[in-house]
C-alpha atoms as a PDB file:
ATOM      1  CA  UNK A   1      -9.516  -5.808  -8.220  1.00  0.00           C
ATOM      2  CA  UNK A   2      -9.940  -5.061 -12.153  1.00  0.00           C
ATOM      3  CA  UNK A   3      -7.930  -1.699 -13.927  1.00  0.00           C
ATOM      4  CA  UNK A   4      -4.440  -0.604 -12.191  1.00  0.00           C
ATOM      5  CA  UNK A   5      -2.318  -3.165 -12.537  1.00  0.00           C
ATOM      6  CA  UNK A   6      -1.378  -3.082  -7.722  1.00  0.00           C
ATOM      7  CA  UNK A   7       0.384  -4.937  -5.159  1.00  0.00           C
ATOM      8  CA  UNK A   8      -0.254  -5.227  -1.480  1.00  0.00           C
ATOM      9  CA  UNK A   9       2.029  -4.976   1.387  1.00  0.00           C
ATOM     10  CA  UNK A  10       0.548  -6.270   4.461  1.00  0.00           C
ATOM     11  CA  UNK A  11       1.877  -7.455   7.617  1.00  0.00           C
ATOM     12  CA  UNK A  12       1.554  -6.726  11.740  1.00  0.00           C
ATOM     13  CA  UNK A  13       2.276  -3.594  12.907  1.00  0.00           C
ATOM     14  CA  UNK A  14       6.281  -2.608  13.096  1.00  0.00           C
ATOM     15  CA  UNK A  15       6.899  -5.427  10.709  1.00  0.00           C
ATOM     16  CA  UNK A  16       8.680  -3.012   8.392  1.00  0.00           C
ATOM     17  CA  UNK A  17       6.017  -2.255   5.135  1.00  0.00           C
ATOM     18  CA  UNK A  18       6.032   1.565   4.680  1.00  0.00           C
ATOM     19  CA  UNK A  19      10.097   1.119   3.955  1.00  0.00           C
ATOM     20  CA  UNK A  20       9.813  -1.506   2.292  1.00  0.00           C
ATOM     21  CA  UNK A  21       6.541   0.197   0.136  1.00  0.00           C
ATOM     22  CA  UNK A  22       8.882   3.182   0.086  1.00  0.00           C
ATOM     23  CA  UNK A  23      12.074   1.415  -0.688  1.00  0.00           C
ATOM     24  CA  UNK A  24      10.146  -0.629  -3.532  1.00  0.00           C
ATOM     25  CA  UNK A  25       8.536   3.098  -4.855  1.00  0.00           C
ATOM     26  CA  UNK A  26      12.174   4.189  -5.341  1.00  0.00           C
ATOM     27  CA  UNK A  27      13.279   1.166  -7.572  1.00  0.00           C
ATOM     28  CA  UNK A  28      10.130   1.292  -9.552  1.00  0.00           C
ATOM     29  CA  UNK A  29      10.760   4.900 -10.077  1.00  0.00           C
ATOM     30  CA  UNK A  30      14.557   4.771 -11.081  1.00  0.00           C
ATOM     31  CA  UNK A  31      12.962   1.731 -13.807  1.00  0.00           C
ATOM     32  CA  UNK A  32      10.852   4.139 -15.650  1.00  0.00           C
ATOM     33  CA  UNK A  33       7.287   3.426 -14.287  1.00  0.00           C
ATOM     34  CA  UNK A  34       4.731   5.592 -12.465  1.00  0.00           C
ATOM     35  CA  UNK A  35       3.771   4.576  -8.465  1.00  0.00           C
ATOM     36  CA  UNK A  36       0.622   5.190  -7.179  1.00  0.00           C
ATOM     37  CA  UNK A  37       0.314   4.157  -3.520  1.00  0.00           C
ATOM     38  CA  UNK A  38      -2.740   3.773  -0.922  1.00  0.00           C
ATOM     39  CA  UNK A  39      -2.102   3.663   3.154  1.00  0.00           C
ATOM     40  CA  UNK A  40      -4.727   2.826   5.121  1.00  0.00           C
ATOM     41  CA  UNK A  41      -4.736   3.836   8.607  1.00  0.00           C
ATOM     42  CA  UNK A  42      -6.557   2.105  11.369  1.00  0.00           C
ATOM     43  CA  UNK A  43      -7.034   5.707  12.616  1.00  0.00           C
ATOM     44  CA  UNK A  44      -8.847   9.097  11.890  1.00  0.00           C
ATOM     45  CA  UNK A  45      -6.346  10.938  10.136  1.00  0.00           C
ATOM     46  CA  UNK A  46      -6.488  14.636   8.760  1.00  0.00           C
ATOM     47  CA  UNK A  47      -3.996  16.445   6.957  1.00  0.00           C
ATOM     48  CA  UNK A  48      -4.635  19.698   7.581  1.00  0.00           C
ATOM     49  CA  UNK A  49      -3.965  22.013  10.179  1.00  0.00           C
ATOM     50  CA  UNK A  50      -6.751  23.754  12.816  1.00  0.00           C
ATOM     51  CA  UNK A  51      -7.411  27.212  11.421  1.00  0.00           C
ATOM     52  CA  UNK A  52      -6.284  27.486   7.648  1.00  0.00           C
ATOM     53  CA  UNK A  53      -8.182  28.599   4.920  1.00  0.00           C
ATOM     54  CA  UNK A  54      -8.953  24.901   4.207  1.00  0.00           C
ATOM     55  CA  UNK A  55      -9.091  24.036   7.238  1.00  0.00           C
ATOM     56  CA  UNK A  56     -12.176  26.374   8.336  1.00  0.00           C
ATOM     57  CA  UNK A  57     -13.886  25.581   4.169  1.00  0.00           C
ATOM     58  CA  UNK A  58     -14.056  21.799   5.955  1.00  0.00           C
ATOM     59  CA  UNK A  59     -14.840  23.045   9.708  1.00  0.00           C
ATOM     60  CA  UNK A  60     -18.245  25.411   7.670  1.00  0.00           C
ATOM     61  CA  UNK A  61     -19.359  22.514   6.380  1.00  0.00           C
ATOM     62  CA  UNK A  62     -17.980  21.907   2.588  1.00  0.00           C
ATOM     63  CA  UNK A  63     -18.417  17.756   1.624  1.00  0.00           C
ATOM     64  CA  UNK A  64     -14.909  17.968   0.089  1.00  0.00           C
ATOM     65  CA  UNK A  65     -11.910  20.892  -0.243  1.00  0.00           C
ATOM     66  CA  UNK A  66      -9.247  20.966  -2.756  1.00  0.00           C
ATOM     67  CA  UNK A  67      -5.971  22.582  -2.198  1.00  0.00           C
ATOM     68  CA  UNK A  68      -4.375  23.653  -4.904  1.00  0.00           C
ATOM     69  CA  UNK A  69      -1.018  24.507  -4.781  1.00  0.00           C
ATOM     70  CA  UNK A  70       2.554  24.982  -6.828  1.00  0.00           C
ATOM     71  CA  UNK A  71       3.365  20.948  -8.408  1.00  0.00           C
ATOM     72  CA  UNK A  72       0.523  18.922  -6.024  1.00  0.00           C
ATOM     73  CA  UNK A  73      -3.083  19.628  -4.735  1.00  0.00           C
ATOM     74  CA  UNK A  74      -4.931  17.420  -2.557  1.00  0.00           C
ATOM     75  CA  UNK A  75      -8.979  16.735  -2.016  1.00  0.00           C
ATOM     76  CA  UNK A  76     -10.550  16.184   1.623  1.00  0.00           C
ATOM     77  CA  UNK A  77     -13.917  15.158   0.990  1.00  0.00           C
ATOM     78  CA  UNK A  78     -16.296  14.341   4.450  1.00  0.00           C
ATOM     79  CA  UNK A  79     -16.965  11.059   4.141  1.00  0.00           C
ATOM     80  CA  UNK A  80     -17.043   7.237   6.053  1.00  0.00           C
ATOM     81  CA  UNK A  81     -13.977   5.159   5.388  1.00  0.00           C
ATOM     82  CA  UNK A  82     -14.270   5.133   1.823  1.00  0.00           C
ATOM     83  CA  UNK A  83     -13.385   1.154  -0.088  1.00  0.00           C
ATOM     84  CA  UNK A  84     -10.369   0.520  -1.423  1.00  0.00           C
ATOM     85  CA  UNK A  85     -12.363   0.666  -5.078  1.00  0.00           C
ATOM     86  CA  UNK A  86     -13.747   4.083  -4.083  1.00  0.00           C
ATOM     87  CA  UNK A  87     -10.518   5.502  -4.137  1.00  0.00           C
ATOM     88  CA  UNK A  88      -9.345   2.976  -6.589  1.00  0.00           C
ATOM     89  CA  UNK A  89     -11.107   5.070  -8.963  1.00  0.00           C
ATOM     90  CA  UNK A  90      -9.901   8.295  -7.839  1.00  0.00           C
ATOM     91  CA  UNK A  91      -6.804   7.269  -8.864  1.00  0.00           C
ATOM     92  CA  UNK A  92      -5.079   8.550 -11.905  1.00  0.00           C
ATOM     93  CA  UNK A  93      -3.510   5.890 -14.507  1.00  0.00           C
ATOM     94  CA  UNK A  94      -0.153   4.805 -13.161  1.00  0.00           C
ATOM     95  CA  UNK A  95       2.429   2.049 -14.169  1.00  0.00           C
ATOM     96  CA  UNK A  96       1.278   0.092 -10.504  1.00  0.00           C
ATOM     97  CA  UNK A  97      -0.298   0.989  -7.619  1.00  0.00           C
ATOM     98  CA  UNK A  98       1.301   0.285  -4.100  1.00  0.00           C
ATOM     99  CA  UNK A  99      -1.601  -0.981  -1.448  1.00  0.00           C
ATOM    100  CA  UNK A 100       0.433  -0.642   1.923  1.00  0.00           C
ATOM    101  CA  UNK A 101      -2.170  -2.338   5.114  1.00  0.00           C
ATOM    102  CA  UNK A 102      -6.078  -3.260   3.208  1.00  0.00           C
ATOM    103  CA  UNK A 103      -4.766  -6.954   4.508  1.00  0.00           C
ATOM    104  CA  UNK A 104      -8.730  -7.772   3.994  1.00  0.00           C
ATOM    105  CA  UNK A 105      -9.082  -6.737   0.970  1.00  0.00           C
ATOM    106  CA  UNK A 106      -8.682  -9.386  -2.717  1.00  0.00           C
ATOM    107  CA  UNK A 107      -5.118  -8.590  -4.810  1.00  0.00           C
ATOM    108  CA  UNK A 108      -2.087  -9.951  -4.710  1.00  0.00           C
ATOM    109  CA  UNK A 109      -0.343  -8.742  -1.806  1.00  0.00           C
ATOM    110  CA  UNK A 110       3.823  -9.837   0.219  1.00  0.00           C
ATOM    111  CA  UNK A 111       3.571 -10.320   3.738  1.00  0.00           C
ATOM    112  CA  UNK A 112       6.800  -8.563   6.136  1.00  0.00           C
ATOM    113  CA  UNK A 113       7.167 -10.291   8.680  1.00  0.00           C
ATOM    114  CA  UNK A 114       9.643  -8.223  11.208  1.00  0.00           C
ATOM    115  CA  UNK A 115      12.074 -10.741  13.602  1.00  0.00           C
ATOM    116  CA  UNK A 116       9.907 -12.362  15.776  1.00  0.00           C
ATOM    117  CA  UNK A 117       7.185 -12.160  14.548  1.00  0.00           C
ATOM    118  CA  UNK A 118       6.305 -15.853  13.980  1.00  0.00           C
ATOM    119  CA  UNK A 119       6.644 -16.255  18.001  1.00  0.00           C
ATOM    120  CA  UNK A 120       4.547 -13.250  18.524  1.00  0.00           C
ATOM    121  CA  UNK A 121       1.822 -13.400  15.971  1.00  0.00           C
ATOM    122  CA  UNK A 122       0.610 -15.954  13.647  1.00  0.00           C
ATOM    123  CA  UNK A 123       1.732 -15.373   9.878  1.00  0.00           C
ATOM    124  CA  UNK A 124      -1.244 -13.974   7.905  1.00  0.00           C
ATOM    125  CA  UNK A 125      -0.062 -15.922   5.186  1.00  0.00           C
ATOM    126  CA  UNK A 126      -1.765 -18.860   6.397  1.00  0.00           C
ATOM    127  CA  UNK A 127      -5.427 -17.993   6.662  1.00  0.00           C
ATOM    128  CA  UNK A 128      -4.932 -14.608   3.087  1.00  0.00           C
ATOM    129  CA  UNK A 129      -4.766 -17.288   0.034  1.00  0.00           C
ATOM    130  CA  UNK A 130      -3.979 -13.120  -1.871  1.00  0.00           C
ATOM    131  CA  UNK A 131      -0.447 -13.187  -0.323  1.00  0.00           C
ATOM    132  CA  UNK A 132       1.638 -14.878  -2.418  1.00  0.00           C
ATOM    133  CA  UNK A 133       5.214 -13.663  -0.837  1.00  0.00           C
ATOM    134  CA  UNK A 134       6.971 -13.596   2.078  1.00  0.00           C
ATOM    135  CA  UNK A 135       9.609 -10.999   3.091  1.00  0.00           C
ATOM    136  CA  UNK A 136      11.683 -11.446   5.890  1.00  0.00           C
ATOM    137  CA  UNK A 137      15.022 -12.016   7.867  1.00  0.00           C
ATOM    138  CA  UNK A 138      15.004 -15.702   7.444  1.00  0.00           C
ATOM    139  CA  UNK A 139      13.478 -17.968   5.429  1.00  0.00           C
ATOM    140  CA  UNK A 140      10.253 -19.063   6.949  1.00  0.00           C
ATOM    141  CA  UNK A 141       9.833 -22.209   7.870  1.00  0.00           C
ATOM    142  CA  UNK A 142       5.860 -22.933   7.151  1.00  0.00           C
ATOM    143  CA  UNK A 143       5.366 -21.707   4.268  1.00  0.00           C
ATOM    144  CA  UNK A 144       5.912 -22.957   0.424  1.00  0.00           C
ATOM    145  CA  UNK A 145       5.369 -19.065  -0.205  1.00  0.00           C
ATOM    146  CA  UNK A 146       8.365 -17.099  -2.474  1.00  0.00           C
ATOM    147  CA  UNK A 147      10.502 -15.985  -0.061  1.00  0.00           C
ATOM    148  CA  UNK A 148      12.808 -12.681   0.148  1.00  0.00           C
ATOM    149  CA  UNK A 149      15.316 -10.957   2.305  1.00  0.00           C
ATOM    150  CA  UNK A 150      13.258  -7.584   3.313  1.00  0.00           C
ATOM    151  CA  UNK A 151      15.637  -5.764   2.039  1.00  0.00           C
ATOM    152  CA  UNK A 152      16.489  -7.467  -1.161  1.00  0.00           C
ATOM    153  CA  UNK A 153      14.641  -4.511  -2.472  1.00  0.00           C
ATOM    154  CA  UNK A 154      15.262  -5.490  -6.986  1.00  0.00           C
ATOM    155  CA  UNK A 155      14.122  -9.371  -6.324  1.00  0.00           C
ATOM    156  CA  UNK A 156      11.091  -8.507  -4.792  1.00  0.00           C
ATOM    157  CA  UNK A 157      10.573  -5.743  -7.485  1.00  0.00           C
ATOM    158  CA  UNK A 158      11.014  -8.248  -9.837  1.00  0.00           C
ATOM    159  CA  UNK A 159       8.677 -11.124  -8.723  1.00  0.00           C
ATOM    160  CA  UNK A 160       5.970  -7.607  -8.197  1.00  0.00           C
ATOM    161  CA  UNK A 161       6.994  -6.434 -11.939  1.00  0.00           C
ATOM    162  CA  UNK A 162       6.375  -9.996 -13.043  1.00  0.00           C
ATOM    163  CA  UNK A 163       3.336 -10.738 -11.114  1.00  0.00           C
ATOM    164  CA  UNK A 164       1.564  -7.754 -12.712  1.00  0.00           C
ATOM    165  CA  UNK A 165       2.372  -8.671 -15.892  1.00  0.00           C
ATOM    166  CA  UNK A 166       0.802 -11.716 -15.982  1.00  0.00           C
ATOM    167  CA  UNK A 167      -2.112  -9.910 -14.532  1.00  0.00           C
ATOM    168  CA  UNK A 168      -2.921  -6.474 -16.717  1.00  0.00           C
ATOM    169  CA  UNK A 169      -6.289  -7.519 -18.908  1.00  0.00           C
END
């Protein structure tokens, strides 16, 4: 993936991906970085509520609705699910984009594993050469990849910072 530095967090459902992303964002912001995130959901999402003015605009057929107020804005677009590249192209420049999900996309990722994942579900790293590290509560026996405890946020952030520093064109 070209352009802004990106790093992904992947893993099976309930492995702790969102918690890790949340804690990494806070850590990088504490270090003075600007960070954006992209979260992939495997279901339809709607940030709007029925009956609101913006919802009514969409219901009437608007292809895009910008909801603007105070300290933030959102643009809702009616279309089939966009590619990761399309979403990336719409983001403002930042120091790092953290991507949660999009496990089939080609960007460096850390696989998060919950206790018991290895017994219940196959490790993703075995089939994905873009997984460059693992975050789990105990060291996985089957992998040669760098391993971090899921709660060692500073070390994971250091690893990501070093990776994106070498990948920036």
